[in-house]
Amino acid sequence: MTRPQDRTNARFAGDTIVARKPGLLEAEVDGEIVALHIGSGKCYGMNEVASHIWSLIASPMPVLEIEASLMRRYDVGEADCREQTAALLAELEREGLIAVTAR
């Protein structure tokens, strides 16, 4: 039986391309992003790691490159990085904040 986490990790495999969708007003506050979605009126506060990912995907980027950047910047193992990155990207996709393109 396939677990939901397995499907999420497969959805955001290394060659998958992710990019921001337009429609957010954002500001940096103490090194973290605070954003307002114009269409929904929802406000998002991103921690340091999410803010780093958000800055990386200003242009379309493969998930593998995002993970590599995170592993260089933070003390995180590959498996944990892959799992946590996939979880965050899945959340951003559910909120309609990113576009996802499989290669």
PDB file of N, CA and C in Angstrom:
ATOM      1  N   MET A   1       0.841  -1.180   0.000  1.00  0.00           N
ATOM      2  CA  MET A   1       0.000   0.000   0.000  1.00  0.00           C
ATOM      3  C   MET A   1       0.889   1.246   0.000  1.00  0.00           C
ATOM      4  N   THR A   2       0.531   2.237  -0.802  1.00  0.00           N
ATOM      5  CA  THR A   2       1.304   3.469  -0.919  1.00  0.00           C
ATOM      6  C   THR A   2       0.851   4.459   0.145  1.00  0.00           C
ATOM      7  N   ARG A   3       1.812   4.997   0.868  1.00  0.00           N
ATOM      8  CA  ARG A   3       1.509   5.998   1.893  1.00  0.00           C
ATOM      9  C   ARG A   3       1.421   7.380   1.249  1.00  0.00           C
ATOM     10  N   PRO A   4       0.633   8.293   1.838  1.00  0.00           N
ATOM     11  CA  PRO A   4       0.537   9.657   1.282  1.00  0.00           C
ATOM     12  C   PRO A   4       1.898  10.326   1.130  1.00  0.00           C
ATOM     13  N   GLN A   5       2.813  10.114   2.089  1.00  0.00           N
ATOM     14  CA  GLN A   5       4.136  10.734   2.019  1.00  0.00           C
ATOM     15  C   GLN A   5       4.909  10.228   0.806  1.00  0.00           C
ATOM     16  N   ASP A   6       4.744   8.929   0.484  1.00  0.00           N
ATOM     17  CA  ASP A   6       5.421   8.374  -0.682  1.00  0.00           C
ATOM     18  C   ASP A   6       4.942   9.058  -1.960  1.00  0.00           C
ATOM     19  N   ARG A   7       3.634   9.321  -2.047  1.00  0.00           N
ATOM     20  CA  ARG A   7       3.088   9.999  -3.231  1.00  0.00           C
ATOM     21  C   ARG A   7       3.605  11.427  -3.304  1.00  0.00           C
ATOM     22  N   THR A   8       3.687  12.099  -2.155  1.00  0.00           N
ATOM     23  CA  THR A   8       4.205  13.471  -2.128  1.00  0.00           C
ATOM     24  C   THR A   8       5.656  13.497  -2.592  1.00  0.00           C
ATOM     25  N   ASN A   9       6.474  12.572  -2.075  1.00  0.00           N
ATOM     26  CA  ASN A   9       7.878  12.532  -2.474  1.00  0.00           C
ATOM     27  C   ASN A   9       8.013  12.252  -3.966  1.00  0.00           C
ATOM     28  N   ALA A  10       7.167  11.363  -4.504  1.00  0.00           N
ATOM     29  CA  ALA A  10       7.214  11.058  -5.933  1.00  0.00           C
ATOM     30  C   ALA A  10       6.777  12.270  -6.761  1.00  0.00           C
ATOM     31  N   ARG A  11       5.786  12.997  -6.277  1.00  0.00           N
ATOM     32  CA  ARG A  11       5.291  14.186  -6.985  1.00  0.00           C
ATOM     33  C   ARG A  11       6.397  15.225  -7.125  1.00  0.00           C
ATOM     34  N   PHE A  12       7.237  15.319  -6.104  1.00  0.00           N
ATOM     35  CA  PHE A  12       8.299  16.319  -6.093  1.00  0.00           C
ATOM     36  C   PHE A  12       9.674  15.654  -6.214  1.00  0.00           C
ATOM     37  N   ALA A  13       9.782  14.756  -7.184  1.00  0.00           N
ATOM     38  CA  ALA A  13      11.057  14.100  -7.474  1.00  0.00           C
ATOM     39  C   ALA A  13      12.051  15.138  -7.978  1.00  0.00           C
ATOM     40  N   GLY A  14      13.315  14.782  -7.976  1.00  0.00           N
ATOM     41  CA  GLY A  14      14.389  15.716  -8.285  1.00  0.00           C
ATOM     42  C   GLY A  14      14.281  16.483  -9.579  1.00  0.00           C
ATOM     43  N   ASP A  15      13.704  15.871 -10.617  1.00  0.00           N
ATOM     44  CA  ASP A  15      13.643  16.562 -11.902  1.00  0.00           C
ATOM     45  C   ASP A  15      12.370  17.385 -12.091  1.00  0.00           C
ATOM     46  N   THR A  16      11.477  17.366 -11.112  1.00  0.00           N
ATOM     47  CA  THR A  16      10.267  18.185 -11.167  1.00  0.00           C
ATOM     48  C   THR A  16      10.656  19.659 -11.065  1.00  0.00           C
ATOM     49  N   ILE A  17      10.021  20.497 -11.867  1.00  0.00           N
ATOM     50  CA  ILE A  17      10.297  21.939 -11.869  1.00  0.00           C
ATOM     51  C   ILE A  17       9.207  22.648 -11.073  1.00  0.00           C
ATOM     52  N   VAL A  18       9.606  23.529 -10.178  1.00  0.00           N
ATOM     53  CA  VAL A  18       8.639  24.337  -9.425  1.00  0.00           C
ATOM     54  C   VAL A  18       8.969  25.815  -9.603  1.00  0.00           C
ATOM     55  N   ALA A  19       7.940  26.630  -9.550  1.00  0.00           N
ATOM     56  CA  ALA A  19       8.108  28.084  -9.672  1.00  0.00           C
ATOM     57  C   ALA A  19       6.953  28.768  -8.978  1.00  0.00           C
ATOM     58  N   ARG A  20       7.201  29.965  -8.529  1.00  0.00           N
ATOM     59  CA  ARG A  20       6.140  30.777  -7.929  1.00  0.00           C
ATOM     60  C   ARG A  20       5.070  31.109  -8.956  1.00  0.00           C
ATOM     61  N   LYS A  21       3.845  31.208  -8.482  1.00  0.00           N
ATOM     62  CA  LYS A  21       2.776  31.775  -9.306  1.00  0.00           C
ATOM     63  C   LYS A  21       2.684  33.256  -8.956  1.00  0.00           C
ATOM     64  N   PRO A  22       2.230  34.074  -9.897  1.00  0.00           N
ATOM     65  CA  PRO A  22       2.076  35.500  -9.585  1.00  0.00           C
ATOM     66  C   PRO A  22       0.882  35.709  -8.651  1.00  0.00           C
ATOM     67  N   GLY A  23       0.817  36.868  -8.047  1.00  0.00           N
ATOM     68  CA  GLY A  23      -0.353  37.221  -7.252  1.00  0.00           C
ATOM     69  C   GLY A  23      -0.083  37.389  -5.775  1.00  0.00           C
ATOM     70  N   LEU A  24       1.175  37.436  -5.367  1.00  0.00           N
ATOM     71  CA  LEU A  24       1.494  37.651  -3.963  1.00  0.00           C
ATOM     72  C   LEU A  24       2.215  38.977  -3.782  1.00  0.00           C
ATOM     73  N   LEU A  25       1.806  39.699  -2.783  1.00  0.00           N
ATOM     74  CA  LEU A  25       2.573  40.853  -2.327  1.00  0.00           C
ATOM     75  C   LEU A  25       3.411  40.341  -1.177  1.00  0.00           C
ATOM     76  N   GLU A  26       4.687  40.642  -1.175  1.00  0.00           N
ATOM     77  CA  GLU A  26       5.547  40.085  -0.139  1.00  0.00           C
ATOM     78  C   GLU A  26       6.524  41.119   0.389  1.00  0.00           C
ATOM     79  N   ALA A  27       6.956  40.853   1.608  1.00  0.00           N
ATOM     80  CA  ALA A  27       7.967  41.693   2.237  1.00  0.00           C
ATOM     81  C   ALA A  27       8.843  40.805   3.104  1.00  0.00           C
ATOM     82  N   GLU A  28      10.094  41.193   3.246  1.00  0.00           N
ATOM     83  CA  GLU A  28      10.989  40.475   4.132  1.00  0.00           C
ATOM     84  C   GLU A  28      10.988  41.166   5.486  1.00  0.00           C
ATOM     85  N   VAL A  29      10.779  40.385   6.520  1.00  0.00           N
ATOM     86  CA  VAL A  29      10.779  40.900   7.889  1.00  0.00           C
ATOM     87  C   VAL A  29      11.716  40.022   8.712  1.00  0.00           C
ATOM     88  N   ASP A  30      12.809  40.597   9.193  1.00  0.00           N
ATOM     89  CA  ASP A  30      13.793  39.852   9.976  1.00  0.00           C
ATOM     90  C   ASP A  30      14.252  38.576   9.277  1.00  0.00           C
ATOM     91  N   GLY A  31      14.504  38.648   7.977  1.00  0.00           N
ATOM     92  CA  GLY A  31      15.020  37.515   7.227  1.00  0.00           C
ATOM     93  C   GLY A  31      13.988  36.480   6.813  1.00  0.00           C
ATOM     94  N   GLU A  32      12.723  36.747   7.078  1.00  0.00           N
ATOM     95  CA  GLU A  32      11.656  35.818   6.707  1.00  0.00           C
ATOM     96  C   GLU A  32      10.630  36.539   5.852  1.00  0.00           C
ATOM     97  N   ILE A  33       9.962  35.782   4.981  1.00  0.00           N
ATOM     98  CA  ILE A  33       8.983  36.350   4.060  1.00  0.00           C
ATOM     99  C   ILE A  33       7.596  36.361   4.695  1.00  0.00           C
ATOM    100  N   VAL A  34       6.932  37.489   4.558  1.00  0.00           N
ATOM    101  CA  VAL A  34       5.511  37.617   4.885  1.00  0.00           C
ATOM    102  C   VAL A  34       4.838  37.995   3.574  1.00  0.00           C
ATOM    103  N   ALA A  35       3.809  37.220   3.198  1.00  0.00           N
ATOM    104  CA  ALA A  35       3.192  37.423   1.892  1.00  0.00           C
ATOM    105  C   ALA A  35       1.676  37.467   2.009  1.00  0.00           C
ATOM    106  N   LEU A  36       1.064  38.262   1.152  1.00  0.00           N
ATOM    107  CA  LEU A  36      -0.390  38.367   1.068  1.00  0.00           C
ATOM    108  C   LEU A  36      -0.803  37.925  -0.324  1.00  0.00           C
ATOM    109  N   HIS A  37      -1.686  36.917  -0.387  1.00  0.00           N
ATOM    110  CA  HIS A  37      -2.201  36.445  -1.670  1.00  0.00           C
ATOM    111  C   HIS A  37      -3.329  37.388  -2.080  1.00  0.00           C
ATOM    112  N   ILE A  38      -3.151  38.064  -3.190  1.00  0.00           N
ATOM    113  CA  ILE A  38      -4.098  39.082  -3.637  1.00  0.00           C
ATOM    114  C   ILE A  38      -5.474  38.480  -3.903  1.00  0.00           C
ATOM    115  N   GLY A  39      -5.521  37.329  -4.555  1.00  0.00           N
ATOM    116  CA  GLY A  39      -6.795  36.715  -4.921  1.00  0.00           C
ATOM    117  C   GLY A  39      -7.598  36.198  -3.753  1.00  0.00           C
ATOM    118  N   SER A  40      -6.944  35.558  -2.807  1.00  0.00           N
ATOM    119  CA  SER A  40      -7.664  34.927  -1.693  1.00  0.00           C
ATOM    120  C   SER A  40      -7.704  35.792  -0.436  1.00  0.00           C
ATOM    121  N   GLY A  41      -6.801  36.763  -0.343  1.00  0.00           N
ATOM    122  CA  GLY A  41      -6.723  37.574   0.862  1.00  0.00           C
ATOM    123  C   GLY A  41      -5.997  36.888   2.003  1.00  0.00           C
ATOM    124  N   LYS A  42      -5.448  35.689   1.764  1.00  0.00           N
ATOM    125  CA  LYS A  42      -4.723  34.958   2.803  1.00  0.00           C
ATOM    126  C   LYS A  42      -3.332  35.542   2.989  1.00  0.00           C
ATOM    127  N   CYS A  43      -2.898  35.522   4.236  1.00  0.00           N
ATOM    128  CA  CYS A  43      -1.567  35.994   4.588  1.00  0.00           C
ATOM    129  C   CYS A  43      -0.718  34.781   4.980  1.00  0.00           C
ATOM    130  N   TYR A  44       0.534  34.770   4.546  1.00  0.00           N
ATOM    131  CA  TYR A  44       1.444  33.664   4.812  1.00  0.00           C
ATOM    132  C   TYR A  44       2.705  34.193   5.476  1.00  0.00           C
ATOM    133  N   GLY A  45       3.134  33.514   6.507  1.00  0.00           N
ATOM    134  CA  GLY A  45       4.409  33.799   7.143  1.00  0.00           C
ATOM    135  C   GLY A  45       5.326  32.615   6.900  1.00  0.00           C
ATOM    136  N   MET A  46       6.472  32.855   6.315  1.00  0.00           N
ATOM    137  CA  MET A  46       7.401  31.773   5.984  1.00  0.00           C
ATOM    138  C   MET A  46       8.600  31.845   6.909  1.00  0.00           C
ATOM    139  N   ASN A  47       8.967  30.689   7.471  1.00  0.00           N
ATOM    140  CA  ASN A  47      10.158  30.655   8.313  1.00  0.00           C
ATOM    141  C   ASN A  47      11.407  30.799   7.446  1.00  0.00           C
ATOM    142  N   GLU A  48      12.558  30.737   8.065  1.00  0.00           N
ATOM    143  CA  GLU A  48      13.815  30.965   7.348  1.00  0.00           C
ATOM    144  C   GLU A  48      14.004  29.998   6.179  1.00  0.00           C
ATOM    145  N   VAL A  49      13.716  28.715   6.399  1.00  0.00           N
ATOM    146  CA  VAL A  49      13.920  27.719   5.348  1.00  0.00           C
ATOM    147  C   VAL A  49      12.917  27.926   4.214  1.00  0.00           C
ATOM    148  N   ALA A  50      11.655  28.118   4.560  1.00  0.00           N
ATOM    149  CA  ALA A  50      10.633  28.357   3.526  1.00  0.00           C
ATOM    150  C   ALA A  50      10.945  29.635   2.759  1.00  0.00           C
ATOM    151  N   SER A  51      11.434  30.652   3.447  1.00  0.00           N
ATOM    152  CA  SER A  51      11.809  31.902   2.780  1.00  0.00           C
ATOM    153  C   SER A  51      12.953  31.675   1.802  1.00  0.00           C
ATOM    154  N   HIS A  52      13.908  30.823   2.185  1.00  0.00           N
ATOM    155  CA  HIS A  52      15.028  30.503   1.290  1.00  0.00           C
ATOM    156  C   HIS A  52      14.507  29.792   0.035  1.00  0.00           C
ATOM    157  N   ILE A  53      13.636  28.820   0.223  1.00  0.00           N
ATOM    158  CA  ILE A  53      13.054  28.108  -0.917  1.00  0.00           C
ATOM    159  C   ILE A  53      12.281  29.087  -1.791  1.00  0.00           C
ATOM    160  N   TRP A  54      11.503  29.958  -1.170  1.00  0.00           N
ATOM    161  CA  TRP A  54      10.710  30.943  -1.923  1.00  0.00           C
ATOM    162  C   TRP A  54      11.618  31.815  -2.788  1.00  0.00           C
ATOM    163  N   SER A  55      12.751  32.215  -2.236  1.00  0.00           N
ATOM    164  CA  SER A  55      13.674  33.050  -3.021  1.00  0.00           C
ATOM    165  C   SER A  55      14.264  32.251  -4.186  1.00  0.00           C
ATOM    166  N   LEU A  56      14.530  30.970  -3.978  1.00  0.00           N
ATOM    167  CA  LEU A  56      15.093  30.135  -5.040  1.00  0.00           C
ATOM    168  C   LEU A  56      14.133  29.964  -6.210  1.00  0.00           C
ATOM    169  N   ILE A  57      12.836  29.872  -5.924  1.00  0.00           N
ATOM    170  CA  ILE A  57      11.872  29.570  -6.989  1.00  0.00           C
ATOM    171  C   ILE A  57      11.259  30.827  -7.606  1.00  0.00           C
ATOM    172  N   ALA A  58      11.948  31.948  -7.472  1.00  0.00           N
ATOM    173  CA  ALA A  58      11.523  33.156  -8.183  1.00  0.00           C
ATOM    174  C   ALA A  58      11.563  32.887  -9.687  1.00  0.00           C
ATOM    175  N   SER A  59      12.466  32.014 -10.096  1.00  0.00           N
ATOM    176  CA  SER A  59      12.527  31.493 -11.464  1.00  0.00           C
ATOM    177  C   SER A  59      12.334  29.986 -11.363  1.00  0.00           C
ATOM    178  N   PRO A  60      11.785  29.355 -12.391  1.00  0.00           N
ATOM    179  CA  PRO A  60      11.580  27.903 -12.339  1.00  0.00           C
ATOM    180  C   PRO A  60      12.877  27.165 -11.999  1.00  0.00           C
ATOM    181  N   MET A  61      12.761  26.193 -11.091  1.00  0.00           N
ATOM    182  CA  MET A  61      13.942  25.476 -10.615  1.00  0.00           C
ATOM    183  C   MET A  61      13.602  24.016 -10.345  1.00  0.00           C
ATOM    184  N   PRO A  62      14.492  23.094 -10.711  1.00  0.00           N
ATOM    185  CA  PRO A  62      14.282  21.686 -10.378  1.00  0.00           C
ATOM    186  C   PRO A  62      14.381  21.468  -8.860  1.00  0.00           C
ATOM    187  N   VAL A  63      13.569  20.562  -8.366  1.00  0.00           N
ATOM    188  CA  VAL A  63      13.570  20.245  -6.941  1.00  0.00           C
ATOM    189  C   VAL A  63      14.962  19.808  -6.493  1.00  0.00           C
ATOM    190  N   LEU A  64      15.664  19.074  -7.327  1.00  0.00           N
ATOM    191  CA  LEU A  64      17.011  18.614  -6.993  1.00  0.00           C
ATOM    192  C   LEU A  64      17.943  19.778  -6.662  1.00  0.00           C
ATOM    193  N   GLU A  65      17.833  20.875  -7.399  1.00  0.00           N
ATOM    194  CA  GLU A  65      18.671  22.049  -7.124  1.00  0.00           C
ATOM    195  C   GLU A  65      18.252  22.742  -5.829  1.00  0.00           C
ATOM    196  N   ILE A  66      16.959  22.738  -5.537  1.00  0.00           N
ATOM    197  CA  ILE A  66      16.484  23.306  -4.266  1.00  0.00           C
ATOM    198  C   ILE A  66      17.072  22.512  -3.112  1.00  0.00           C
ATOM    199  N   GLU A  67      16.966  21.183  -3.205  1.00  0.00           N
ATOM    200  CA  GLU A  67      17.493  20.324  -2.142  1.00  0.00           C
ATOM    201  C   GLU A  67      19.004  20.504  -1.976  1.00  0.00           C
ATOM    202  N   ALA A  68      19.722  20.606  -3.083  1.00  0.00           N
ATOM    203  CA  ALA A  68      21.173  20.797  -3.005  1.00  0.00           C
ATOM    204  C   ALA A  68      21.516  22.106  -2.302  1.00  0.00           C
ATOM    205  N   SER A  69      20.767  23.160  -2.597  1.00  0.00           N
ATOM    206  CA  SER A  69      20.995  24.450  -1.949  1.00  0.00           C
ATOM    207  C   SER A  69      20.728  24.358  -0.444  1.00  0.00           C
ATOM    208  N   LEU A  70      19.666  23.671  -0.087  1.00  0.00           N
ATOM    209  CA  LEU A  70      19.335  23.521   1.334  1.00  0.00           C
ATOM    210  C   LEU A  70      20.396  22.710   2.076  1.00  0.00           C
ATOM    211  N   MET A  71      20.884  21.644   1.460  1.00  0.00           N
ATOM    212  CA  MET A  71      21.897  20.817   2.120  1.00  0.00           C
ATOM    213  C   MET A  71      23.225  21.557   2.270  1.00  0.00           C
ATOM    214  N   ARG A  72      23.530  22.468   1.336  1.00  0.00           N
ATOM    215  CA  ARG A  72      24.743  23.286   1.474  1.00  0.00           C
ATOM    216  C   ARG A  72      24.588  24.308   2.596  1.00  0.00           C
ATOM    217  N   ARG A  73      23.379  24.841   2.729  1.00  0.00           N
ATOM    218  CA  ARG A  73      23.144  25.940   3.661  1.00  0.00           C
ATOM    219  C   ARG A  73      22.858  25.477   5.092  1.00  0.00           C
ATOM    220  N   TYR A  74      22.188  24.326   5.219  1.00  0.00           N
ATOM    221  CA  TYR A  74      21.755  23.844   6.536  1.00  0.00           C
ATOM    222  C   TYR A  74      22.342  22.463   6.814  1.00  0.00           C
ATOM    223  N   ASP A  75      22.443  22.130   8.078  1.00  0.00           N
ATOM    224  CA  ASP A  75      22.936  20.820   8.495  1.00  0.00           C
ATOM    225  C   ASP A  75      21.770  19.831   8.450  1.00  0.00           C
ATOM    226  N   VAL A  76      21.518  19.282   7.269  1.00  0.00           N
ATOM    227  CA  VAL A  76      20.395  18.362   7.085  1.00  0.00           C
ATOM    228  C   VAL A  76      20.835  17.237   6.149  1.00  0.00           C
ATOM    229  N   GLY A  77      20.411  16.028   6.480  1.00  0.00           N
ATOM    230  CA  GLY A  77      20.724  14.885   5.633  1.00  0.00           C
ATOM    231  C   GLY A  77      19.840  14.856   4.398  1.00  0.00           C
ATOM    232  N   GLU A  78      20.281  14.092   3.403  1.00  0.00           N
ATOM    233  CA  GLU A  78      19.575  14.052   2.134  1.00  0.00           C
ATOM    234  C   GLU A  78      18.135  13.546   2.277  1.00  0.00           C
ATOM    235  N   ALA A  79      17.921  12.474   3.017  1.00  0.00           N
ATOM    236  CA  ALA A  79      16.572  11.902   3.150  1.00  0.00           C
ATOM    237  C   ALA A  79      15.632  12.874   3.854  1.00  0.00           C
ATOM    238  N   ASP A  80      16.093  13.481   4.948  1.00  0.00           N
ATOM    239  CA  ASP A  80      15.266  14.459   5.667  1.00  0.00           C
ATOM    240  C   ASP A  80      14.983  15.669   4.793  1.00  0.00           C
ATOM    241  N   CYS A  81      15.995  16.127   4.081  1.00  0.00           N
ATOM    242  CA  CYS A  81      15.830  17.284   3.206  1.00  0.00           C
ATOM    243  C   CYS A  81      14.788  16.996   2.140  1.00  0.00           C
ATOM    244  N   ARG A  82      14.896  15.833   1.515  1.00  0.00           N
ATOM    245  CA  ARG A  82      13.961  15.460   0.449  1.00  0.00           C
ATOM    246  C   ARG A  82      12.526  15.406   0.993  1.00  0.00           C
ATOM    247  N   GLU A  83      12.348  14.766   2.145  1.00  0.00           N
ATOM    248  CA  GLU A  83      11.015  14.609   2.730  1.00  0.00           C
ATOM    249  C   GLU A  83      10.415  15.958   3.137  1.00  0.00           C
ATOM    250  N   GLN A  84      11.197  16.783   3.812  1.00  0.00           N
ATOM    251  CA  GLN A  84      10.689  18.063   4.291  1.00  0.00           C
ATOM    252  C   GLN A  84      10.464  19.049   3.145  1.00  0.00           C
ATOM    253  N   THR A  85      11.315  19.017   2.140  1.00  0.00           N
ATOM    254  CA  THR A  85      11.126  19.887   0.980  1.00  0.00           C
ATOM    255  C   THR A  85       9.859  19.497   0.241  1.00  0.00           C
ATOM    256  N   ALA A  86       9.654  18.192   0.041  1.00  0.00           N
ATOM    257  CA  ALA A  86       8.438  17.718  -0.636  1.00  0.00           C
ATOM    258  C   ALA A  86       7.191  18.129   0.139  1.00  0.00           C
ATOM    259  N   ALA A  87       7.238  18.034   1.463  1.00  0.00           N
ATOM    260  CA  ALA A  87       6.076  18.413   2.285  1.00  0.00           C
ATOM    261  C   ALA A  87       5.774  19.899   2.137  1.00  0.00           C
ATOM    262  N   LEU A  88       6.805  20.747   2.163  1.00  0.00           N
ATOM    263  CA  LEU A  88       6.579  22.184   2.022  1.00  0.00           C
ATOM    264  C   LEU A  88       6.055  22.514   0.623  1.00  0.00           C
ATOM    265  N   LEU A  89       6.660  21.912  -0.403  1.00  0.00           N
ATOM    266  CA  LEU A  89       6.201  22.184  -1.760  1.00  0.00           C
ATOM    267  C   LEU A  89       4.763  21.723  -1.959  1.00  0.00           C
ATOM    268  N   ALA A  90       4.394  20.606  -1.360  1.00  0.00           N
ATOM    269  CA  ALA A  90       3.005  20.132  -1.452  1.00  0.00           C
ATOM    270  C   ALA A  90       2.056  21.123  -0.806  1.00  0.00           C
ATOM    271  N   GLU A  91       2.459  21.687   0.313  1.00  0.00           N
ATOM    272  CA  GLU A  91       1.625  22.695   0.987  1.00  0.00           C
ATOM    273  C   GLU A  91       1.499  23.955   0.131  1.00  0.00           C
ATOM    274  N   LEU A  92       2.596  24.411  -0.442  1.00  0.00           N
ATOM    275  CA  LEU A  92       2.552  25.589  -1.310  1.00  0.00           C
ATOM    276  C   LEU A  92       1.674  25.337  -2.535  1.00  0.00           C
ATOM    277  N   GLU A  93       1.730  24.110  -3.061  1.00  0.00           N
ATOM    278  CA  GLU A  93       0.891  23.772  -4.208  1.00  0.00           C
ATOM    279  C   GLU A  93      -0.589  23.755  -3.810  1.00  0.00           C
ATOM    280  N   ARG A  94      -0.913  23.162  -2.662  1.00  0.00           N
ATOM    281  CA  ARG A  94      -2.307  23.143  -2.187  1.00  0.00           C
ATOM    282  C   ARG A  94      -2.861  24.554  -2.020  1.00  0.00           C
ATOM    283  N   GLU A  95      -2.013  25.475  -1.623  1.00  0.00           N
ATOM    284  CA  GLU A  95      -2.433  26.865  -1.428  1.00  0.00           C
ATOM    285  C   GLU A  95      -2.476  27.638  -2.745  1.00  0.00           C
ATOM    286  N   GLY A  96      -2.038  27.013  -3.829  1.00  0.00           N
ATOM    287  CA  GLY A  96      -2.061  27.669  -5.135  1.00  0.00           C
ATOM    288  C   GLY A  96      -0.950  28.673  -5.334  1.00  0.00           C
ATOM    289  N   LEU A  97       0.148  28.513  -4.599  1.00  0.00           N
ATOM    290  CA  LEU A  97       1.237  29.485  -4.652  1.00  0.00           C
ATOM    291  C   LEU A  97       2.341  29.124  -5.630  1.00  0.00           C
ATOM    292  N   ILE A  98       2.406  27.841  -6.045  1.00  0.00           N
ATOM    293  CA  ILE A  98       3.453  27.424  -6.970  1.00  0.00           C
ATOM    294  C   ILE A  98       2.860  26.644  -8.138  1.00  0.00           C
ATOM    295  N   ALA A  99       3.598  26.674  -9.242  1.00  0.00           N
ATOM    296  CA  ALA A  99       3.287  25.849 -10.405  1.00  0.00           C
ATOM    297  C   ALA A  99       4.285  24.694 -10.404  1.00  0.00           C
ATOM    298  N   VAL A 100       3.798  23.499 -10.719  1.00  0.00           N
ATOM    299  CA  VAL A 100       4.623  22.297 -10.702  1.00  0.00           C
ATOM    300  C   VAL A 100       4.581  21.663 -12.084  1.00  0.00           C
ATOM    301  N   THR A 101       5.759  21.385 -12.638  1.00  0.00           N
ATOM    302  CA  THR A 101       5.851  20.785 -13.960  1.00  0.00           C
ATOM    303  C   THR A 101       6.775  19.574 -13.883  1.00  0.00           C
ATOM    304  N   ALA A 102       6.251  18.401 -14.204  1.00  0.00           N
ATOM    305  CA  ALA A 102       7.086  17.194 -14.252  1.00  0.00           C
ATOM    306  C   ALA A 102       7.878  17.194 -15.547  1.00  0.00           C
ATOM    307  N   ARG A 103       9.114  16.766 -15.475  1.00  0.00           N
ATOM    308  CA  ARG A 103       9.951  16.668 -16.687  1.00  0.00           C
ATOM    309  C   ARG A 103       9.711  15.364 -17.366  1.00  0.00           C
TER     310      ARG A 103
END
